[in-house]
Amino acid sequence: MTKAELRKLYKTKRKSLTLESCDDLSIEISNQLLKLPIWDKSFYHIFLTIEEQKEVNTEFILNILSGKDKNIVVSKSDFKTGLMDHVLLTDATTIKKNSYNIPEPIDGIPIPNSSIEVVFIPLLAFDTFGNRIGYGKGFYDRFLEACNPETIKIGLSFFEAETKISDVYHSDIPLDYCVTPNKIYTF
């Protein structure tokens, strides 16, 4: 299937989930993450959940990162440039939803892409080759391209892998792992 077909299918699948089931599945994903060999790193970039889109609830992962005393990095999207700015999430960080209902930091301590060692990536669907489909704006592809090659890229999905996305672009950056409630995919 194409990206457009899969994007439509998985938006529909997500809509059918209840908020309670999103939380339950998100807890299972968080527990799966504990099995990955990533916990010796210092800087972890994580997306803040868009509840209206029924995304994976990252609050549980945030708790794990805080409990392990890790540096948590969150981003703010610039829809004019298609780029994201990254800041350290602290107790003093003010979070506010933008016009797309994306929770973002108002300000904070800037963190360069080169410091980020692990990135948790939102997605709608992914395939058995580690290709992912987001919302189609390319924010994460541009961000990941600017990171170090050894940055660990982890997709989070309520659903299992598709066999193949038929229209992958050369600029698409594949995942290293994708974690679902029932399985860890390694690419």
N, C-alpha and C. Protein backbone atom coordinates (compact mmCIF):
# COMPACT_ATOMS: atom_id res chain seq x y z
N MET A 1 0.84 -1.19 0.00
CA MET A 1 0.00 0.00 0.00
C MET A 1 0.88 1.25 0.00
N THR A 2 0.32 2.34 -0.48
CA THR A 2 1.05 3.60 -0.53
C THR A 2 0.95 4.31 0.83
N LYS A 3 1.80 5.33 0.99
CA LYS A 3 1.76 6.12 2.22
C LYS A 3 0.37 6.73 2.43
N ALA A 4 -0.19 7.29 1.36
CA ALA A 4 -1.51 7.94 1.48
C ALA A 4 -2.58 6.94 1.91
N GLU A 5 -2.56 5.75 1.32
CA GLU A 5 -3.54 4.71 1.68
C GLU A 5 -3.36 4.27 3.13
N LEU A 6 -2.11 4.06 3.52
CA LEU A 6 -1.84 3.62 4.89
C LEU A 6 -2.15 4.72 5.91
N ARG A 7 -1.85 5.95 5.55
CA ARG A 7 -2.14 7.08 6.44
C ARG A 7 -3.65 7.13 6.74
N LYS A 8 -4.45 6.99 5.70
CA LYS A 8 -5.91 7.02 5.86
C LYS A 8 -6.39 5.82 6.70
N LEU A 9 -5.88 4.64 6.40
CA LEU A 9 -6.27 3.42 7.12
C LEU A 9 -5.95 3.53 8.61
N TYR A 10 -4.72 3.98 8.93
CA TYR A 10 -4.31 3.98 10.33
C TYR A 10 -4.91 5.14 11.13
N LYS A 11 -5.27 6.22 10.46
CA LYS A 11 -6.02 7.27 11.16
C LYS A 11 -7.38 6.73 11.58
N THR A 12 -7.99 5.94 10.69
CA THR A 12 -9.28 5.32 11.00
C THR A 12 -9.14 4.31 12.13
N LYS A 13 -8.09 3.48 12.09
CA LYS A 13 -7.86 2.50 13.15
C LYS A 13 -7.69 3.19 14.50
N ARG A 14 -6.94 4.30 14.50
CA ARG A 14 -6.71 5.02 15.75
C ARG A 14 -8.02 5.60 16.30
N LYS A 15 -8.85 6.15 15.39
CA LYS A 15 -10.12 6.74 15.82
C LYS A 15 -10.99 5.73 16.54
N SER A 16 -10.86 4.45 16.18
CA SER A 16 -11.70 3.41 16.79
C SER A 16 -11.24 3.06 18.21
N LEU A 17 -10.06 3.51 18.61
CA LEU A 17 -9.56 3.22 19.96
C LEU A 17 -10.21 4.15 20.98
N THR A 18 -10.47 3.63 22.16
CA THR A 18 -10.92 4.49 23.26
C THR A 18 -9.69 5.10 23.92
N LEU A 19 -9.89 6.18 24.65
CA LEU A 19 -8.76 6.79 25.37
C LEU A 19 -8.22 5.82 26.41
N GLU A 20 -9.10 5.04 27.01
CA GLU A 20 -8.67 4.04 28.00
C GLU A 20 -7.79 2.97 27.35
N SER A 21 -8.19 2.51 26.16
CA SER A 21 -7.37 1.49 25.49
C SER A 21 -6.04 2.10 25.02
N CYS A 22 -6.04 3.38 24.64
CA CYS A 22 -4.77 4.05 24.27
C CYS A 22 -3.83 4.04 25.47
N ASP A 23 -4.35 4.33 26.65
CA ASP A 23 -3.51 4.32 27.86
C ASP A 23 -2.99 2.92 28.17
N ASP A 24 -3.87 1.93 28.08
CA ASP A 24 -3.47 0.55 28.37
C ASP A 24 -2.37 0.08 27.40
N LEU A 25 -2.56 0.37 26.11
CA LEU A 25 -1.58 -0.02 25.10
C LEU A 25 -0.27 0.77 25.28
N SER A 26 -0.39 2.02 25.69
CA SER A 26 0.80 2.86 25.93
C SER A 26 1.63 2.32 27.10
N ILE A 27 0.97 1.82 28.12
CA ILE A 27 1.69 1.21 29.25
C ILE A 27 2.44 -0.03 28.79
N GLU A 28 1.80 -0.84 27.95
CA GLU A 28 2.46 -2.04 27.42
C GLU A 28 3.68 -1.67 26.57
N ILE A 29 3.56 -0.60 25.77
CA ILE A 29 4.69 -0.13 24.96
C ILE A 29 5.82 0.32 25.88
N SER A 30 5.48 1.07 26.93
CA SER A 30 6.50 1.54 27.88
C SER A 30 7.23 0.37 28.53
N ASN A 31 6.51 -0.67 28.89
CA ASN A 31 7.13 -1.86 29.49
C ASN A 31 8.05 -2.56 28.49
N GLN A 32 7.64 -2.61 27.23
CA GLN A 32 8.50 -3.21 26.19
C GLN A 32 9.80 -2.42 26.03
N LEU A 33 9.71 -1.09 26.11
CA LEU A 33 10.89 -0.25 25.95
C LEU A 33 11.98 -0.58 26.96
N LEU A 34 11.58 -1.03 28.15
CA LEU A 34 12.56 -1.36 29.19
C LEU A 34 13.49 -2.50 28.78
N LYS A 35 13.07 -3.28 27.76
CA LYS A 35 13.87 -4.41 27.29
C LYS A 35 14.97 -3.99 26.30
N LEU A 36 14.89 -2.76 25.80
CA LEU A 36 15.85 -2.31 24.79
C LEU A 36 17.19 -1.91 25.42
N PRO A 37 18.29 -2.09 24.69
CA PRO A 37 19.63 -1.73 25.19
C PRO A 37 19.95 -0.25 24.96
N ILE A 38 19.10 0.63 25.51
CA ILE A 38 19.24 2.06 25.25
C ILE A 38 19.44 2.88 26.52
N TRP A 39 19.45 2.24 27.65
CA TRP A 39 19.34 2.99 28.91
C TRP A 39 20.67 3.51 29.45
N ASP A 40 21.76 3.35 28.68
CA ASP A 40 23.05 3.89 29.09
C ASP A 40 23.29 5.28 28.47
N LYS A 41 22.33 5.81 27.75
CA LYS A 41 22.46 7.12 27.10
C LYS A 41 22.03 8.23 28.07
N SER A 42 22.28 9.48 27.66
CA SER A 42 21.96 10.62 28.52
C SER A 42 20.83 11.50 28.00
N PHE A 43 20.79 11.75 26.66
CA PHE A 43 19.80 12.68 26.10
C PHE A 43 18.77 11.93 25.25
N TYR A 44 17.51 12.01 25.69
CA TYR A 44 16.39 11.31 25.05
C TYR A 44 15.37 12.32 24.55
N HIS A 45 15.11 12.30 23.26
CA HIS A 45 14.10 13.18 22.68
C HIS A 45 12.78 12.42 22.63
N ILE A 46 11.72 13.07 23.10
CA ILE A 46 10.41 12.42 23.10
C ILE A 46 9.34 13.41 22.65
N PHE A 47 8.35 12.90 21.95
CA PHE A 47 7.24 13.74 21.54
C PHE A 47 6.22 13.80 22.67
N LEU A 48 5.52 14.91 22.74
CA LEU A 48 4.44 15.05 23.72
C LEU A 48 3.15 14.70 22.99
N THR A 49 2.35 13.87 23.60
CA THR A 49 1.18 13.25 22.98
C THR A 49 0.11 14.25 22.54
N ILE A 50 -0.35 14.07 21.31
CA ILE A 50 -1.52 14.80 20.83
C ILE A 50 -2.73 13.90 21.12
N GLU A 51 -3.41 14.16 22.22
CA GLU A 51 -4.52 13.30 22.66
C GLU A 51 -5.61 13.21 21.59
N GLU A 52 -5.88 14.34 20.92
CA GLU A 52 -6.95 14.36 19.91
C GLU A 52 -6.65 13.41 18.76
N GLN A 53 -5.38 13.10 18.51
CA GLN A 53 -4.99 12.17 17.44
C GLN A 53 -4.86 10.73 17.95
N LYS A 54 -5.13 10.55 19.25
CA LYS A 54 -4.99 9.25 19.90
C LYS A 54 -3.61 8.64 19.65
N GLU A 55 -2.59 9.47 19.90
CA GLU A 55 -1.21 9.02 19.80
C GLU A 55 -0.84 8.21 21.04
N VAL A 56 0.27 7.49 20.94
CA VAL A 56 0.81 6.77 22.09
C VAL A 56 1.01 7.80 23.21
N ASN A 57 0.52 7.47 24.41
CA ASN A 57 0.65 8.36 25.56
C ASN A 57 2.08 8.24 26.10
N THR A 58 2.87 9.30 25.89
CA THR A 58 4.27 9.25 26.29
C THR A 58 4.49 9.61 27.76
N GLU A 59 3.43 9.90 28.48
CA GLU A 59 3.56 10.23 29.92
C GLU A 59 4.25 9.08 30.67
N PHE A 60 3.95 7.85 30.30
CA PHE A 60 4.54 6.69 30.98
C PHE A 60 6.05 6.59 30.69
N ILE A 61 6.44 6.92 29.46
CA ILE A 61 7.86 6.92 29.09
C ILE A 61 8.57 8.07 29.80
N LEU A 62 7.91 9.22 29.88
CA LEU A 62 8.47 10.35 30.61
C LEU A 62 8.77 9.98 32.05
N ASN A 63 7.86 9.22 32.67
CA ASN A 63 8.08 8.76 34.05
C ASN A 63 9.30 7.85 34.16
N ILE A 64 9.46 6.97 33.19
CA ILE A 64 10.63 6.08 33.18
C ILE A 64 11.91 6.90 33.06
N LEU A 65 11.91 7.84 32.10
CA LEU A 65 13.10 8.67 31.88
C LEU A 65 13.44 9.50 33.12
N SER A 66 12.41 10.06 33.75
CA SER A 66 12.64 10.83 34.99
C SER A 66 13.18 9.94 36.09
N GLY A 67 12.61 8.75 36.22
CA GLY A 67 13.05 7.81 37.25
C GLY A 67 14.48 7.35 37.05
N LYS A 68 14.93 7.34 35.79
CA LYS A 68 16.32 6.96 35.48
C LYS A 68 17.24 8.19 35.42
N ASP A 69 16.69 9.35 35.78
CA ASP A 69 17.44 10.60 35.84
C ASP A 69 18.10 10.94 34.50
N LYS A 70 17.33 10.81 33.42
CA LYS A 70 17.83 11.11 32.07
C LYS A 70 17.48 12.55 31.69
N ASN A 71 18.23 13.11 30.76
CA ASN A 71 17.91 14.42 30.19
C ASN A 71 16.82 14.21 29.14
N ILE A 72 15.69 14.87 29.34
CA ILE A 72 14.55 14.72 28.44
C ILE A 72 14.46 15.95 27.56
N VAL A 73 14.39 15.72 26.25
CA VAL A 73 14.35 16.79 25.27
C VAL A 73 13.01 16.75 24.55
N VAL A 74 12.36 17.91 24.44
CA VAL A 74 11.10 18.03 23.70
C VAL A 74 11.27 19.11 22.64
N SER A 75 10.37 19.15 21.68
CA SER A 75 10.57 20.08 20.57
C SER A 75 9.37 20.98 20.34
N LYS A 76 9.67 22.02 19.59
CA LYS A 76 8.66 22.97 19.14
C LYS A 76 8.76 23.04 17.63
N SER A 77 7.65 22.90 16.94
CA SER A 77 7.62 22.87 15.47
C SER A 77 7.44 24.26 14.89
N ASP A 78 8.21 24.54 13.85
CA ASP A 78 8.06 25.79 13.11
C ASP A 78 7.44 25.41 11.75
N PHE A 79 6.16 25.70 11.58
CA PHE A 79 5.46 25.27 10.37
C PHE A 79 5.84 26.11 9.15
N LYS A 80 6.53 27.24 9.35
CA LYS A 80 7.01 28.02 8.20
C LYS A 80 8.26 27.40 7.61
N THR A 81 9.17 26.92 8.47
CA THR A 81 10.43 26.35 7.98
C THR A 81 10.40 24.83 7.88
N GLY A 82 9.45 24.19 8.58
CA GLY A 82 9.39 22.73 8.61
C GLY A 82 10.42 22.12 9.54
N LEU A 83 11.00 22.95 10.42
CA LEU A 83 12.03 22.48 11.34
C LEU A 83 11.51 22.48 12.77
N MET A 84 12.23 21.78 13.63
CA MET A 84 11.89 21.74 15.05
C MET A 84 13.07 22.28 15.86
N ASP A 85 12.74 23.04 16.90
CA ASP A 85 13.73 23.47 17.89
C ASP A 85 13.55 22.58 19.10
N HIS A 86 14.65 22.24 19.76
CA HIS A 86 14.61 21.29 20.87
C HIS A 86 15.07 21.96 22.16
N VAL A 87 14.37 21.66 23.25
CA VAL A 87 14.73 22.21 24.55
C VAL A 87 14.70 21.11 25.60
N LEU A 88 15.46 21.35 26.65
CA LEU A 88 15.50 20.45 27.79
C LEU A 88 14.20 20.60 28.57
N LEU A 89 13.55 19.49 28.87
CA LEU A 89 12.32 19.52 29.67
C LEU A 89 12.72 19.53 31.14
N THR A 90 12.33 20.60 31.85
CA THR A 90 12.62 20.71 33.28
C THR A 90 11.32 21.01 34.01
N ASP A 91 11.39 21.08 35.32
CA ASP A 91 10.21 21.43 36.11
C ASP A 91 9.72 22.84 35.78
N ALA A 92 10.61 23.68 35.27
CA ALA A 92 10.26 25.07 34.97
C ALA A 92 9.73 25.25 33.54
N THR A 93 9.76 24.19 32.72
CA THR A 93 9.32 24.30 31.33
C THR A 93 7.80 24.44 31.27
N THR A 94 7.35 25.49 30.59
CA THR A 94 5.91 25.70 30.39
C THR A 94 5.52 25.05 29.07
N ILE A 95 4.49 24.21 29.11
CA ILE A 95 4.00 23.52 27.91
C ILE A 95 2.64 24.10 27.54
N LYS A 96 2.46 24.40 26.25
CA LYS A 96 1.19 24.93 25.76
C LYS A 96 0.89 24.29 24.41
N LYS A 97 -0.38 24.01 24.14
CA LYS A 97 -0.76 23.45 22.85
C LYS A 97 -0.75 24.53 21.79
N ASN A 98 -0.19 24.19 20.60
CA ASN A 98 -0.22 25.14 19.49
C ASN A 98 -1.56 25.01 18.75
N SER A 99 -1.68 25.67 17.62
CA SER A 99 -2.95 25.67 16.88
C SER A 99 -3.31 24.30 16.29
N TYR A 100 -2.33 23.37 16.26
CA TYR A 100 -2.59 22.01 15.78
C TYR A 100 -2.79 21.04 16.94
N ASN A 101 -2.95 21.58 18.15
CA ASN A 101 -3.11 20.80 19.39
C ASN A 101 -1.85 20.01 19.77
N ILE A 102 -0.70 20.44 19.27
CA ILE A 102 0.56 19.80 19.63
C ILE A 102 1.09 20.47 20.90
N PRO A 103 1.26 19.71 21.99
CA PRO A 103 1.84 20.30 23.20
C PRO A 103 3.32 20.64 22.95
N GLU A 104 3.68 21.88 23.22
CA GLU A 104 5.05 22.33 22.95
C GLU A 104 5.57 23.20 24.09
N PRO A 105 6.90 23.24 24.25
CA PRO A 105 7.48 24.13 25.25
C PRO A 105 7.39 25.58 24.77
N ILE A 106 7.13 26.48 25.69
CA ILE A 106 7.10 27.90 25.36
C ILE A 106 8.53 28.41 25.22
N ASP A 107 9.41 27.97 26.11
CA ASP A 107 10.81 28.35 26.07
C ASP A 107 11.61 27.28 26.79
N GLY A 108 12.88 27.48 26.93
CA GLY A 108 13.69 26.50 27.64
C GLY A 108 15.14 26.53 27.19
N ILE A 109 15.91 25.64 27.76
CA ILE A 109 17.34 25.55 27.45
C ILE A 109 17.49 24.82 26.12
N PRO A 110 18.06 25.47 25.09
CA PRO A 110 18.21 24.83 23.78
C PRO A 110 19.17 23.64 23.83
N ILE A 111 18.80 22.58 23.12
CA ILE A 111 19.64 21.38 23.01
C ILE A 111 19.90 21.15 21.52
N PRO A 112 21.18 21.08 21.12
CA PRO A 112 21.48 20.84 19.70
C PRO A 112 21.18 19.39 19.29
N ASN A 113 20.88 19.21 18.02
CA ASN A 113 20.62 17.86 17.49
C ASN A 113 21.77 16.92 17.81
N SER A 114 22.99 17.43 17.79
CA SER A 114 24.18 16.59 18.00
C SER A 114 24.24 15.99 19.40
N SER A 115 23.50 16.54 20.35
CA SER A 115 23.51 16.00 21.72
C SER A 115 22.50 14.87 21.91
N ILE A 116 21.52 14.77 21.02
CA ILE A 116 20.43 13.82 21.20
C ILE A 116 20.90 12.42 20.80
N GLU A 117 20.73 11.46 21.73
CA GLU A 117 21.23 10.10 21.51
C GLU A 117 20.12 9.09 21.18
N VAL A 118 18.92 9.34 21.68
CA VAL A 118 17.78 8.45 21.43
C VAL A 118 16.58 9.33 21.08
N VAL A 119 15.84 8.93 20.04
CA VAL A 119 14.64 9.67 19.65
C VAL A 119 13.46 8.70 19.62
N PHE A 120 12.41 9.02 20.38
CA PHE A 120 11.15 8.29 20.32
C PHE A 120 10.28 9.01 19.30
N ILE A 121 9.81 8.27 18.29
CA ILE A 121 9.19 8.88 17.12
C ILE A 121 7.71 8.50 17.00
N PRO A 122 6.84 9.51 16.85
CA PRO A 122 5.43 9.20 16.61
C PRO A 122 5.26 8.72 15.17
N LEU A 123 4.29 7.88 14.94
CA LEU A 123 4.03 7.42 13.58
C LEU A 123 2.61 6.91 13.47
N LEU A 124 2.14 6.81 12.24
CA LEU A 124 0.83 6.23 11.97
C LEU A 124 0.97 4.75 11.62
N ALA A 125 2.00 4.43 10.84
CA ALA A 125 2.22 3.04 10.41
C ALA A 125 3.70 2.87 10.10
N PHE A 126 4.14 1.60 10.03
CA PHE A 126 5.52 1.29 9.67
C PHE A 126 5.54 -0.07 9.00
N ASP A 127 6.66 -0.38 8.35
CA ASP A 127 6.75 -1.68 7.68
C ASP A 127 7.89 -2.51 8.25
N THR A 128 8.02 -3.73 7.74
CA THR A 128 9.01 -4.68 8.26
C THR A 128 10.44 -4.29 7.91
N PHE A 129 10.61 -3.21 7.14
CA PHE A 129 11.94 -2.72 6.78
C PHE A 129 12.36 -1.52 7.63
N GLY A 130 11.47 -1.09 8.52
CA GLY A 130 11.78 0.06 9.38
C GLY A 130 11.37 1.40 8.80
N ASN A 131 10.65 1.37 7.69
CA ASN A 131 10.13 2.62 7.12
C ASN A 131 8.87 3.02 7.89
N ARG A 132 8.70 4.32 8.08
CA ARG A 132 7.54 4.77 8.85
C ARG A 132 6.75 5.81 8.08
N ILE A 133 5.51 5.96 8.49
CA ILE A 133 4.63 6.97 7.93
C ILE A 133 4.17 7.85 9.08
N GLY A 134 4.43 9.15 8.94
CA GLY A 134 3.93 10.12 9.91
C GLY A 134 2.74 10.85 9.32
N TYR A 135 2.59 12.10 9.72
CA TYR A 135 1.45 12.89 9.23
C TYR A 135 1.72 13.52 7.87
N GLY A 136 2.96 13.38 7.36
CA GLY A 136 3.25 13.83 6.01
C GLY A 136 3.89 15.20 5.88
N LYS A 137 4.26 15.82 6.98
CA LYS A 137 4.89 17.15 6.92
C LYS A 137 6.42 17.07 6.87
N GLY A 138 7.01 15.92 7.18
CA GLY A 138 8.46 15.74 7.07
C GLY A 138 9.29 16.28 8.22
N PHE A 139 8.64 16.72 9.31
CA PHE A 139 9.38 17.28 10.44
C PHE A 139 10.43 16.30 10.98
N TYR A 140 10.02 15.05 11.19
CA TYR A 140 10.96 14.08 11.77
C TYR A 140 12.05 13.67 10.80
N ASP A 141 11.76 13.58 9.51
CA ASP A 141 12.81 13.25 8.54
C ASP A 141 13.89 14.33 8.54
N ARG A 142 13.48 15.61 8.55
CA ARG A 142 14.47 16.70 8.58
C ARG A 142 15.24 16.69 9.90
N PHE A 143 14.55 16.44 11.01
CA PHE A 143 15.19 16.39 12.32
C PHE A 143 16.20 15.24 12.38
N LEU A 144 15.79 14.05 11.99
CA LEU A 144 16.66 12.87 12.07
C LEU A 144 17.87 13.01 11.15
N GLU A 145 17.68 13.64 10.02
CA GLU A 145 18.79 13.86 9.09
C GLU A 145 19.87 14.74 9.73
N ALA A 146 19.46 15.64 10.62
CA ALA A 146 20.40 16.55 11.27
C ALA A 146 21.04 15.95 12.54
N CYS A 147 20.58 14.77 12.95
CA CYS A 147 21.14 14.10 14.12
C CYS A 147 22.40 13.32 13.73
N ASN A 148 23.15 12.89 14.72
CA ASN A 148 24.30 12.02 14.47
C ASN A 148 23.83 10.71 13.87
N PRO A 149 24.63 10.08 13.00
CA PRO A 149 24.24 8.80 12.41
C PRO A 149 23.99 7.72 13.46
N GLU A 150 24.67 7.81 14.62
CA GLU A 150 24.47 6.77 15.64
C GLU A 150 23.29 7.02 16.57
N THR A 151 22.56 8.13 16.35
CA THR A 151 21.35 8.38 17.15
C THR A 151 20.38 7.23 16.95
N ILE A 152 19.85 6.70 18.05
CA ILE A 152 18.93 5.56 18.00
C ILE A 152 17.51 6.07 17.76
N LYS A 153 16.88 5.54 16.71
CA LYS A 153 15.56 5.98 16.29
C LYS A 153 14.53 4.89 16.61
N ILE A 154 13.58 5.23 17.50
CA ILE A 154 12.61 4.24 17.98
C ILE A 154 11.19 4.72 17.69
N GLY A 155 10.49 4.01 16.82
CA GLY A 155 9.09 4.30 16.56
C GLY A 155 8.21 3.67 17.64
N LEU A 156 7.08 4.30 17.89
CA LEU A 156 6.11 3.78 18.86
C LEU A 156 4.78 3.61 18.15
N SER A 157 4.22 2.40 18.20
CA SER A 157 3.00 2.13 17.45
C SER A 157 2.06 1.21 18.22
N PHE A 158 0.77 1.53 18.16
CA PHE A 158 -0.25 0.65 18.74
C PHE A 158 -0.43 -0.61 17.89
N PHE A 159 -0.03 -0.52 16.61
CA PHE A 159 -0.33 -1.58 15.65
C PHE A 159 0.95 -2.26 15.16
N GLU A 160 0.81 -3.45 14.62
CA GLU A 160 1.96 -4.22 14.13
C GLU A 160 2.37 -3.72 12.73
N ALA A 161 3.50 -4.21 12.26
CA ALA A 161 4.09 -3.74 10.99
C ALA A 161 3.29 -4.17 9.77
N GLU A 162 3.28 -3.30 8.78
CA GLU A 162 2.81 -3.64 7.44
C GLU A 162 3.96 -4.37 6.76
N THR A 163 3.68 -5.18 5.75
CA THR A 163 4.74 -5.90 5.05
C THR A 163 5.68 -4.93 4.35
N LYS A 164 5.11 -3.99 3.57
CA LYS A 164 5.95 -3.05 2.83
C LYS A 164 5.16 -1.79 2.48
N ILE A 165 5.82 -0.64 2.66
CA ILE A 165 5.27 0.63 2.17
C ILE A 165 5.80 0.78 0.75
N SER A 166 4.89 0.95 -0.21
CA SER A 166 5.31 0.89 -1.62
C SER A 166 6.00 2.13 -2.14
N ASP A 167 5.80 3.28 -1.51
CA ASP A 167 6.37 4.51 -2.06
C ASP A 167 7.31 5.22 -1.07
N VAL A 168 8.34 4.50 -0.66
CA VAL A 168 9.35 5.06 0.24
C VAL A 168 10.27 5.97 -0.56
N TYR A 169 10.61 7.13 0.00
CA TYR A 169 11.50 8.08 -0.67
C TYR A 169 12.93 7.89 -0.17
N HIS A 170 13.91 8.29 -1.00
CA HIS A 170 15.31 8.17 -0.60
C HIS A 170 15.61 9.04 0.61
N SER A 171 14.83 10.11 0.83
CA SER A 171 15.06 11.01 1.97
C SER A 171 14.43 10.49 3.26
N ASP A 172 13.62 9.45 3.18
CA ASP A 172 13.00 8.87 4.37
C ASP A 172 14.08 8.18 5.21
N ILE A 173 14.06 8.43 6.48
CA ILE A 173 15.06 7.84 7.37
C ILE A 173 14.41 6.69 8.14
N PRO A 174 14.93 5.48 7.97
CA PRO A 174 14.32 4.32 8.63
C PRO A 174 14.59 4.29 10.13
N LEU A 175 13.75 3.54 10.82
CA LEU A 175 13.87 3.34 12.26
C LEU A 175 14.95 2.30 12.57
N ASP A 176 15.45 2.34 13.80
CA ASP A 176 16.31 1.27 14.31
C ASP A 176 15.45 0.21 15.01
N TYR A 177 14.40 0.70 15.68
CA TYR A 177 13.45 -0.18 16.38
C TYR A 177 12.05 0.40 16.20
N CYS A 178 11.06 -0.46 16.31
CA CYS A 178 9.69 0.01 16.51
C CYS A 178 9.09 -0.86 17.60
N VAL A 179 8.47 -0.21 18.56
CA VAL A 179 7.93 -0.91 19.71
C VAL A 179 6.41 -0.83 19.69
N THR A 180 5.79 -2.00 19.77
CA THR A 180 4.34 -2.11 19.84
C THR A 180 3.98 -2.73 21.19
N PRO A 181 2.71 -2.80 21.54
CA PRO A 181 2.37 -3.42 22.83
C PRO A 181 2.82 -4.87 22.95
N ASN A 182 2.96 -5.58 21.82
CA ASN A 182 3.25 -7.01 21.86
C ASN A 182 4.62 -7.41 21.35
N LYS A 183 5.35 -6.45 20.74
CA LYS A 183 6.57 -6.87 20.06
C LYS A 183 7.55 -5.72 19.91
N ILE A 184 8.83 -6.06 19.87
CA ILE A 184 9.88 -5.10 19.52
C ILE A 184 10.43 -5.52 18.16
N TYR A 185 10.31 -4.62 17.19
CA TYR A 185 10.88 -4.86 15.86
C TYR A 185 12.27 -4.23 15.84
N THR A 186 13.25 -4.98 15.33
CA THR A 186 14.61 -4.48 15.19
C THR A 186 14.96 -4.46 13.71
N PHE A 187 15.48 -3.33 13.24
CA PHE A 187 15.78 -3.18 11.81
C PHE A 187 17.27 -3.03 11.57
